[in-house]
Every structure is written in structure tokens, then in C-alpha cells.
Amino acid sequence: MALLDDVKPRLGVFYSDINKDAEVQQMVDGALMYFKGAGWDIDISSPSALEIEAIILYCKMVQSTDPAQLTNHPVLISFIAQGRAVVLDED
């Protein structure tokens, strides 16, 4: 739940509602799957600031209904590269 609490305010959600929490949680889950598919497995039990920022950016992007904006954003690519580099350094 802590990750959800970190993400909601940055998306402009300053209240708790079962339906809204479920909607934001779905976006967070989508972000986690997106990053895992890109080779960056985020540990949700203790996400870094970079990981939280990447999740927030992903969530903001999927809120758009403009198909032209649903691209691989350069900042997301940068976050993935940085996250993957950290994982490689730890090995």
C-alpha cells in the first residue's frame, strides 16, 4: 500500500476511495509489468526514488487518451536504462 500512497498524490489524487484506489493500483500494476518486460524488475517492498518516479511517469502517460502520446517516452527509456544498470552493478 505504501507505493500506492506515494503515487496517488503525484497524480493529483488526494483522497481515498475504493474505486479510485483500484484504478490507480491498476496503473501501478501496468507500470510494473511494463518495466519488468523491459528487463527492470522493481521491488515494490522498497522502491527507490528513481523507481517511484518511473512509475509515476508511466501512470501519467497512460491517463492520456491520445494514441500519439502512447509511445516509448525518452524519459521512461532513460529510467529503464538506469534501473537495469543498477541491477547489473549489484550482480
Protein backbone atom coordinates (compact mmCIF):
# COMPACT_ATOMS: atom_id res chain seq x y z
CA MET A 1 0.00 0.00 0.00
CA ALA A 2 2.95 2.36 0.56
CA LEU A 3 3.71 2.52 -3.17
CA LEU A 4 0.11 3.45 -3.90
CA ASP A 5 0.33 6.16 -1.23
CA ASP A 6 3.47 7.55 -2.90
CA VAL A 7 1.93 7.58 -6.37
CA LYS A 8 -1.57 8.93 -5.70
CA PRO A 9 -0.63 12.48 -4.63
CA ARG A 10 1.67 12.90 -7.64
CA LEU A 11 -1.29 12.01 -9.86
CA GLY A 12 -3.45 14.60 -8.12
CA VAL A 13 -5.41 12.08 -6.07
CA PHE A 14 -5.51 13.41 -2.52
CA TYR A 15 -8.34 11.26 -1.17
CA SER A 16 -9.10 7.61 -0.57
CA ASP A 17 -11.89 5.93 -2.46
CA ILE A 18 -12.10 2.21 -3.15
CA ASN A 19 -12.76 2.67 -6.87
CA LYS A 20 -10.11 5.36 -7.39
CA ASP A 21 -7.54 3.38 -5.39
CA ALA A 22 -8.27 0.33 -7.57
CA GLU A 23 -7.89 2.45 -10.73
CA VAL A 24 -4.53 3.84 -9.61
CA GLN A 25 -3.40 0.39 -8.46
CA GLN A 26 -4.17 -0.98 -11.93
CA MET A 27 -1.97 1.74 -13.45
CA VAL A 28 0.82 0.91 -10.98
CA ASP A 29 0.50 -2.79 -11.81
CA GLY A 30 0.67 -1.93 -15.51
CA ALA A 31 3.81 0.11 -14.90
CA LEU A 32 5.43 -2.75 -13.01
CA MET A 33 4.63 -5.16 -15.85
CA TYR A 34 5.91 -2.68 -18.44
CA PHE A 35 9.22 -2.26 -16.63
CA LYS A 36 9.57 -5.98 -15.96
CA GLY A 37 9.05 -6.62 -19.67
CA ALA A 38 11.84 -4.13 -20.33
CA GLY A 39 14.19 -6.06 -18.04
CA TRP A 40 13.81 -3.91 -14.93
CA ASP A 41 12.15 -5.81 -12.08
CA ILE A 42 11.12 -3.26 -9.46
CA ASP A 43 10.98 -4.45 -5.85
CA ILE A 44 7.74 -2.93 -4.59
CA SER A 45 8.64 -3.58 -0.95
CA SER A 46 11.35 -0.91 -1.05
CA PRO A 47 11.26 1.07 -4.31
CA SER A 48 13.96 3.66 -4.88
CA ALA A 49 13.15 7.28 -5.72
CA LEU A 50 14.02 6.55 -9.37
CA GLU A 51 11.63 3.61 -9.44
CA ILE A 52 8.82 5.67 -7.93
CA GLU A 53 9.40 8.47 -10.44
CA ALA A 54 9.34 5.98 -13.32
CA ILE A 55 6.05 4.51 -12.11
CA ILE A 56 4.52 7.97 -11.74
CA LEU A 57 5.60 8.98 -15.25
CA TYR A 58 4.16 5.77 -16.68
CA CYS A 59 0.86 6.37 -14.84
CA LYS A 60 0.66 9.93 -16.11
CA MET A 61 1.26 8.75 -19.65
CA VAL A 62 -1.47 6.10 -19.57
CA GLN A 63 -4.01 8.63 -18.35
CA SER A 64 -3.89 10.25 -21.79
CA THR A 65 -6.41 9.13 -24.38
CA ASP A 66 -4.33 10.47 -27.28
CA PRO A 67 -2.79 7.46 -29.09
CA ALA A 68 0.08 9.64 -30.32
CA GLN A 69 1.23 10.09 -26.72
CA LEU A 70 1.29 6.34 -26.02
CA THR A 71 4.85 5.90 -27.21
CA ASN A 72 8.04 4.84 -25.51
CA HIS A 73 8.81 8.14 -23.84
CA PRO A 74 12.53 9.02 -23.84
CA VAL A 75 12.49 9.62 -20.08
CA LEU A 76 10.96 6.18 -19.49
CA ILE A 77 13.69 4.65 -21.65
CA SER A 78 16.28 6.54 -19.59
CA PHE A 79 14.73 5.33 -16.32
CA ILE A 80 14.79 1.74 -17.60
CA ALA A 81 18.44 2.03 -18.67
CA GLN A 82 19.38 3.46 -15.26
CA GLY A 83 17.38 0.82 -13.39
CA ARG A 84 18.87 -2.01 -15.41
CA ALA A 85 22.37 -0.62 -14.88
CA VAL A 86 21.87 -0.66 -11.11
CA VAL A 87 20.74 -4.30 -11.26
CA LEU A 88 23.79 -5.24 -13.33
CA ASP A 89 26.13 -3.44 -10.91
CA GLU A 90 24.72 -5.40 -7.96
CA ASP A 91 25.43 -8.79 -9.59
